[in-house]
Amino acid sequence: MGLALTMAMGGIALAAPMTTEDKAALQQQCSGDFTTFCGDMPPADSPETQACFDKNMSKLSPGCQNAIQAYKKKG
């Protein structure tokens, strides 16, 4: 699931290419949120998965929200 989450999270910001550090932070902070809110989504980066994270942004854990925002700021 780690790779699937990384792929799914990679498209959220449409920002700069994702570094190894970005992948690790998003995996660590968002894996539970992915399972809770988007676990029925395809295990790959897709518009549906991105929409799921966008739709549930306010419900995501603070750590996941911060990791996503930090990644978006890099773009």
C-alpha atoms as a PDB file:
ATOM      1  CA  MET A   1       0.000   0.000   0.000  1.00  0.00           C
ATOM      2  CA  GLY A   2       2.910   2.379   0.612  1.00  0.00           C
ATOM      3  CA  LEU A   3       3.663   2.741  -3.075  1.00  0.00           C
ATOM      4  CA  ALA A   4      -0.004   3.186  -3.916  1.00  0.00           C
ATOM      5  CA  LEU A   5      -0.339   5.918  -1.304  1.00  0.00           C
ATOM      6  CA  THR A   6       2.764   7.650  -2.576  1.00  0.00           C
ATOM      7  CA  MET A   7       1.454   7.514  -6.122  1.00  0.00           C
ATOM      8  CA  ALA A   8      -1.925   8.805  -5.028  1.00  0.00           C
ATOM      9  CA  MET A   9      -0.482  11.587  -2.951  1.00  0.00           C
ATOM     10  CA  GLY A  10       1.995  12.526  -5.647  1.00  0.00           C
ATOM     11  CA  GLY A  11      -0.689  14.038  -7.832  1.00  0.00           C
ATOM     12  CA  ILE A  12      -2.483  16.023  -5.152  1.00  0.00           C
ATOM     13  CA  ALA A  13      -0.518  19.203  -5.513  1.00  0.00           C
ATOM     14  CA  LEU A  14       0.427  18.995  -9.175  1.00  0.00           C
ATOM     15  CA  ALA A  15       3.653  20.505  -7.929  1.00  0.00           C
ATOM     16  CA  ALA A  16       7.335  19.820  -8.411  1.00  0.00           C
ATOM     17  CA  PRO A  17       8.508  16.221  -8.796  1.00  0.00           C
ATOM     18  CA  MET A  18       8.193  14.301  -5.558  1.00  0.00           C
ATOM     19  CA  THR A  19      11.479  13.684  -3.748  1.00  0.00           C
ATOM     20  CA  THR A  20      12.286  10.681  -1.586  1.00  0.00           C
ATOM     21  CA  GLU A  21      11.775  12.892   1.477  1.00  0.00           C
ATOM     22  CA  ASP A  22       8.363  14.005   0.202  1.00  0.00           C
ATOM     23  CA  LYS A  23       7.318  10.398  -0.372  1.00  0.00           C
ATOM     24  CA  ALA A  24       8.476   9.340   3.094  1.00  0.00           C
ATOM     25  CA  ALA A  25       6.692  12.229   4.826  1.00  0.00           C
ATOM     26  CA  LEU A  26       3.433  11.664   2.974  1.00  0.00           C
ATOM     27  CA  GLN A  27       3.559   7.905   3.546  1.00  0.00           C
ATOM     28  CA  GLN A  28       4.293   8.318   7.233  1.00  0.00           C
ATOM     29  CA  GLN A  29       1.713  11.022   7.856  1.00  0.00           C
ATOM     30  CA  CYS A  30      -1.106   9.985   5.502  1.00  0.00           C
ATOM     31  CA  SER A  31      -1.244   6.201   5.271  1.00  0.00           C
ATOM     32  CA  GLY A  32      -3.954   5.919   7.942  1.00  0.00           C
ATOM     33  CA  ASP A  33      -5.952   8.728   6.345  1.00  0.00           C
ATOM     34  CA  PHE A  34      -5.722   7.064   2.946  1.00  0.00           C
ATOM     35  CA  THR A  35      -7.085   3.828   4.409  1.00  0.00           C
ATOM     36  CA  THR A  36      -9.832   5.599   6.365  1.00  0.00           C
ATOM     37  CA  PHE A  37     -11.100   8.020   3.737  1.00  0.00           C
ATOM     38  CA  CYS A  38      -9.942   6.693   0.376  1.00  0.00           C
ATOM     39  CA  GLY A  39      -9.334   2.981   0.909  1.00  0.00           C
ATOM     40  CA  ASP A  40     -11.894   2.084  -1.726  1.00  0.00           C
ATOM     41  CA  MET A  41     -10.059   4.125  -4.368  1.00  0.00           C
ATOM     42  CA  PRO A  42      -7.778   2.543  -6.971  1.00  0.00           C
ATOM     43  CA  PRO A  43      -4.252   1.902  -5.652  1.00  0.00           C
ATOM     44  CA  ALA A  44      -2.687   4.359  -8.059  1.00  0.00           C
ATOM     45  CA  ASP A  45      -2.607   8.059  -8.743  1.00  0.00           C
ATOM     46  CA  SER A  46      -5.939   8.863 -10.298  1.00  0.00           C
ATOM     47  CA  PRO A  47      -8.320  11.800 -10.504  1.00  0.00           C
ATOM     48  CA  GLU A  48     -10.693   9.896  -8.215  1.00  0.00           C
ATOM     49  CA  THR A  49      -8.055   9.426  -5.518  1.00  0.00           C
ATOM     50  CA  GLN A  50      -6.995  13.068  -5.746  1.00  0.00           C
ATOM     51  CA  ALA A  51     -10.635  14.139  -5.485  1.00  0.00           C
ATOM     52  CA  CYS A  52     -11.078  11.908  -2.434  1.00  0.00           C
ATOM     53  CA  PHE A  53      -8.191  13.591  -0.619  1.00  0.00           C
ATOM     54  CA  ASP A  54      -9.416  17.037  -1.663  1.00  0.00           C
ATOM     55  CA  LYS A  55     -12.952  16.228  -0.494  1.00  0.00           C
ATOM     56  CA  ASN A  56     -11.730  14.948   2.868  1.00  0.00           C
ATOM     57  CA  MET A  57      -8.954  17.496   3.457  1.00  0.00           C
ATOM     58  CA  SER A  58     -10.656  18.969   6.526  1.00  0.00           C
ATOM     59  CA  LYS A  59     -11.026  15.476   8.047  1.00  0.00           C
ATOM     60  CA  LEU A  60      -7.427  14.380   7.487  1.00  0.00           C
ATOM     61  CA  SER A  61      -5.116  14.152  10.457  1.00  0.00           C
ATOM     62  CA  PRO A  62      -3.122  17.306  11.213  1.00  0.00           C
ATOM     63  CA  GLY A  63       0.118  15.531  10.298  1.00  0.00           C
ATOM     64  CA  CYS A  64      -1.248  14.527   6.898  1.00  0.00           C
ATOM     65  CA  GLN A  65      -2.641  17.999   6.234  1.00  0.00           C
ATOM     66  CA  ASN A  66       0.735  19.523   7.127  1.00  0.00           C
ATOM     67  CA  ALA A  67       2.623  17.078   4.904  1.00  0.00           C
ATOM     68  CA  ILE A  68       0.338  17.863   1.957  1.00  0.00           C
ATOM     69  CA  GLN A  69       0.604  21.610   2.506  1.00  0.00           C
ATOM     70  CA  ALA A  70       4.399  21.412   2.803  1.00  0.00           C
ATOM     71  CA  TYR A  71       4.563  19.516  -0.483  1.00  0.00           C
ATOM     72  CA  LYS A  72       2.243  21.981  -2.196  1.00  0.00           C
ATOM     73  CA  LYS A  73       4.412  24.921  -1.107  1.00  0.00           C
ATOM     74  CA  LYS A  74       7.399  23.386  -2.896  1.00  0.00           C
ATOM     75  CA  GLY A  75       5.615  23.603  -6.249  1.00  0.00           C
END
